[in-house]
N, C-alpha and C. Protein backbone atom coordinates (compact mmCIF):
# COMPACT_ATOMS: atom_id res chain seq x y z
N UNK A 1 1.32 115.06 187.98
CA UNK A 1 2.10 114.23 188.86
C UNK A 1 2.39 115.03 190.12
N UNK A 2 2.17 114.42 191.28
CA UNK A 2 2.51 115.05 192.56
C UNK A 2 3.81 114.46 193.05
N UNK A 3 4.77 115.31 193.34
CA UNK A 3 6.07 114.87 193.82
C UNK A 3 6.03 114.83 195.35
N UNK A 4 6.18 113.63 195.88
CA UNK A 4 6.13 113.40 197.31
C UNK A 4 7.48 113.69 197.96
N UNK A 5 7.46 114.03 199.24
CA UNK A 5 8.69 114.35 199.97
C UNK A 5 9.67 113.19 199.96
N UNK A 6 9.17 111.97 200.06
CA UNK A 6 10.08 110.81 200.08
C UNK A 6 10.83 110.68 198.76
N UNK A 7 10.17 111.01 197.66
CA UNK A 7 10.84 110.98 196.35
C UNK A 7 11.90 112.08 196.27
N UNK A 8 11.57 113.25 196.76
CA UNK A 8 12.53 114.37 196.76
C UNK A 8 13.76 113.99 197.59
N UNK A 9 13.54 113.41 198.77
CA UNK A 9 14.65 113.01 199.64
C UNK A 9 15.50 111.94 198.95
N UNK A 10 14.87 110.96 198.34
CA UNK A 10 15.62 109.90 197.66
C UNK A 10 16.49 110.47 196.55
N UNK A 11 15.94 111.41 195.80
CA UNK A 11 16.70 112.03 194.71
C UNK A 11 17.84 112.88 195.26
N UNK A 12 17.55 113.69 196.27
CA UNK A 12 18.57 114.59 196.81
C UNK A 12 19.70 113.86 197.52
N UNK A 13 19.39 112.71 198.11
CA UNK A 13 20.43 111.97 198.83
C UNK A 13 21.02 110.84 197.99
N UNK A 14 20.64 110.81 196.72
CA UNK A 14 21.15 109.80 195.78
C UNK A 14 20.95 108.38 196.30
N UNK A 15 19.73 108.13 196.75
CA UNK A 15 19.37 106.79 197.22
C UNK A 15 19.44 105.81 196.06
N UNK A 16 19.40 104.52 196.37
CA UNK A 16 19.56 103.51 195.32
C UNK A 16 18.48 103.60 194.24
N UNK A 17 17.31 104.13 194.56
CA UNK A 17 16.25 104.25 193.56
C UNK A 17 16.14 105.66 192.97
N UNK A 18 17.13 106.50 193.22
CA UNK A 18 17.09 107.89 192.72
C UNK A 18 17.02 107.96 191.20
N UNK A 19 17.81 107.14 190.51
CA UNK A 19 17.80 107.18 189.04
C UNK A 19 16.45 106.78 188.49
N UNK A 20 15.83 105.78 189.09
CA UNK A 20 14.49 105.36 188.65
C UNK A 20 13.49 106.49 188.85
N UNK A 21 13.54 107.12 190.00
CA UNK A 21 12.62 108.23 190.28
C UNK A 21 12.84 109.39 189.33
N UNK A 22 14.10 109.74 189.09
CA UNK A 22 14.40 110.82 188.16
C UNK A 22 13.90 110.51 186.76
N UNK A 23 14.05 109.27 186.33
CA UNK A 23 13.58 108.91 184.99
C UNK A 23 12.06 109.00 184.90
N UNK A 24 11.37 108.63 185.97
CA UNK A 24 9.90 108.73 185.97
C UNK A 24 9.46 110.19 185.93
N UNK A 25 10.16 111.04 186.68
CA UNK A 25 9.82 112.47 186.67
C UNK A 25 10.09 113.04 185.29
N UNK A 26 11.23 112.70 184.71
CA UNK A 26 11.58 113.22 183.38
C UNK A 26 10.63 112.72 182.30
N UNK A 27 10.15 111.50 182.45
CA UNK A 27 9.26 110.91 181.44
C UNK A 27 7.81 111.35 181.61
N UNK A 28 7.51 111.97 182.73
CA UNK A 28 6.14 112.40 182.98
C UNK A 28 5.66 113.40 181.95
N UNK A 29 4.43 113.24 181.53
CA UNK A 29 3.87 114.12 180.50
C UNK A 29 2.93 115.17 181.10
N UNK A 30 2.93 115.25 182.41
CA UNK A 30 2.07 116.23 183.07
C UNK A 30 2.93 117.18 183.90
N UNK A 31 2.31 118.22 184.37
CA UNK A 31 2.98 119.19 185.23
C UNK A 31 3.32 118.52 186.56
N UNK A 32 4.48 118.85 187.10
CA UNK A 32 4.87 118.31 188.40
C UNK A 32 4.38 119.27 189.47
N UNK A 33 3.63 118.73 190.42
CA UNK A 33 3.09 119.52 191.52
C UNK A 33 3.75 119.11 192.82
N UNK A 34 3.94 120.07 193.70
CA UNK A 34 4.42 119.81 195.05
C UNK A 34 4.00 120.98 195.92
N UNK A 35 3.96 120.74 197.21
CA UNK A 35 3.54 121.80 198.12
C UNK A 35 4.73 122.33 198.91
N UNK A 36 4.52 123.45 199.54
CA UNK A 36 5.57 124.00 200.40
C UNK A 36 5.82 123.07 201.58
N UNK A 37 4.79 122.38 202.04
CA UNK A 37 4.96 121.40 203.13
C UNK A 37 5.82 120.24 202.66
N UNK A 38 5.65 119.82 201.41
CA UNK A 38 6.48 118.76 200.84
C UNK A 38 7.94 119.16 200.86
N UNK A 39 8.24 120.36 200.43
CA UNK A 39 9.63 120.82 200.39
C UNK A 39 10.19 120.98 201.81
N UNK A 40 9.38 121.49 202.74
CA UNK A 40 9.83 121.62 204.12
C UNK A 40 10.15 120.25 204.70
N UNK A 41 9.26 119.31 204.49
CA UNK A 41 9.45 117.95 204.98
C UNK A 41 10.72 117.32 204.37
N UNK A 42 10.96 117.57 203.10
CA UNK A 42 12.14 117.03 202.43
C UNK A 42 13.42 117.64 202.99
N UNK A 43 13.42 118.94 203.22
CA UNK A 43 14.61 119.60 203.76
C UNK A 43 14.92 119.07 205.15
N UNK A 44 13.92 118.90 205.99
CA UNK A 44 14.12 118.37 207.33
C UNK A 44 14.68 116.95 207.26
N UNK A 45 14.14 116.14 206.38
CA UNK A 45 14.60 114.75 206.25
C UNK A 45 16.04 114.68 205.75
N UNK A 46 16.38 115.52 204.79
CA UNK A 46 17.76 115.52 204.26
C UNK A 46 18.72 116.01 205.35
N UNK A 47 18.33 117.03 206.09
CA UNK A 47 19.18 117.52 207.18
C UNK A 47 19.38 116.43 208.22
N UNK A 48 18.32 115.71 208.53
CA UNK A 48 18.43 114.63 209.51
C UNK A 48 19.35 113.54 208.99
N UNK A 49 19.21 113.19 207.72
CA UNK A 49 20.06 112.17 207.12
C UNK A 49 21.53 112.58 207.13
N UNK A 50 21.77 113.85 206.96
CA UNK A 50 23.15 114.35 206.94
C UNK A 50 23.63 114.79 208.31
N UNK A 51 22.80 114.62 209.32
CA UNK A 51 23.12 114.94 210.71
C UNK A 51 23.58 116.38 210.87
N UNK A 52 22.85 117.27 210.28
CA UNK A 52 23.16 118.69 210.43
C UNK A 52 22.27 119.24 211.54
N UNK A 53 22.88 119.78 212.55
CA UNK A 53 22.10 120.31 213.68
C UNK A 53 21.52 121.67 213.32
N UNK A 54 20.70 122.15 214.18
CA UNK A 54 20.07 123.45 213.96
C UNK A 54 21.10 124.58 213.92
N UNK A 55 22.29 124.33 214.48
CA UNK A 55 23.34 125.33 214.51
C UNK A 55 24.34 125.15 213.38
N UNK A 56 24.09 124.21 212.47
CA UNK A 56 24.96 124.02 211.34
C UNK A 56 26.14 123.09 211.61
N UNK A 57 26.19 122.47 212.76
CA UNK A 57 27.28 121.56 213.09
C UNK A 57 26.96 120.18 212.51
N UNK A 58 27.84 119.67 211.66
CA UNK A 58 27.59 118.38 211.03
C UNK A 58 28.20 117.22 211.80
N UNK A 59 28.73 117.48 212.98
CA UNK A 59 29.29 116.44 213.81
C UNK A 59 28.15 115.72 214.52
N UNK A 60 27.99 114.43 214.27
CA UNK A 60 26.87 113.66 214.81
C UNK A 60 26.82 113.67 216.35
N UNK A 61 27.93 113.88 217.01
CA UNK A 61 27.93 113.86 218.47
C UNK A 61 27.11 115.00 219.04
N UNK A 62 26.93 116.07 218.28
CA UNK A 62 26.21 117.24 218.79
C UNK A 62 24.76 117.27 218.37
N UNK A 63 24.33 116.31 217.58
CA UNK A 63 22.94 116.26 217.13
C UNK A 63 22.12 115.43 218.09
N UNK A 64 20.92 115.84 218.31
CA UNK A 64 20.03 115.09 219.21
C UNK A 64 18.82 114.63 218.48
């Protein structure tokens, strides 16, 4: 099973389908594969969703 960045983001941000995705991952009978690019993409997406700027400021007014 290949874990896509969108699935990682949904799980990390507790999206409405996070429980379904987690159950599918847990029920999988194969090794879970992911790439470093997948994790990088997920981290960027989660940071964007949480409006964290490059300087660590979580105030949305300072994010561009």
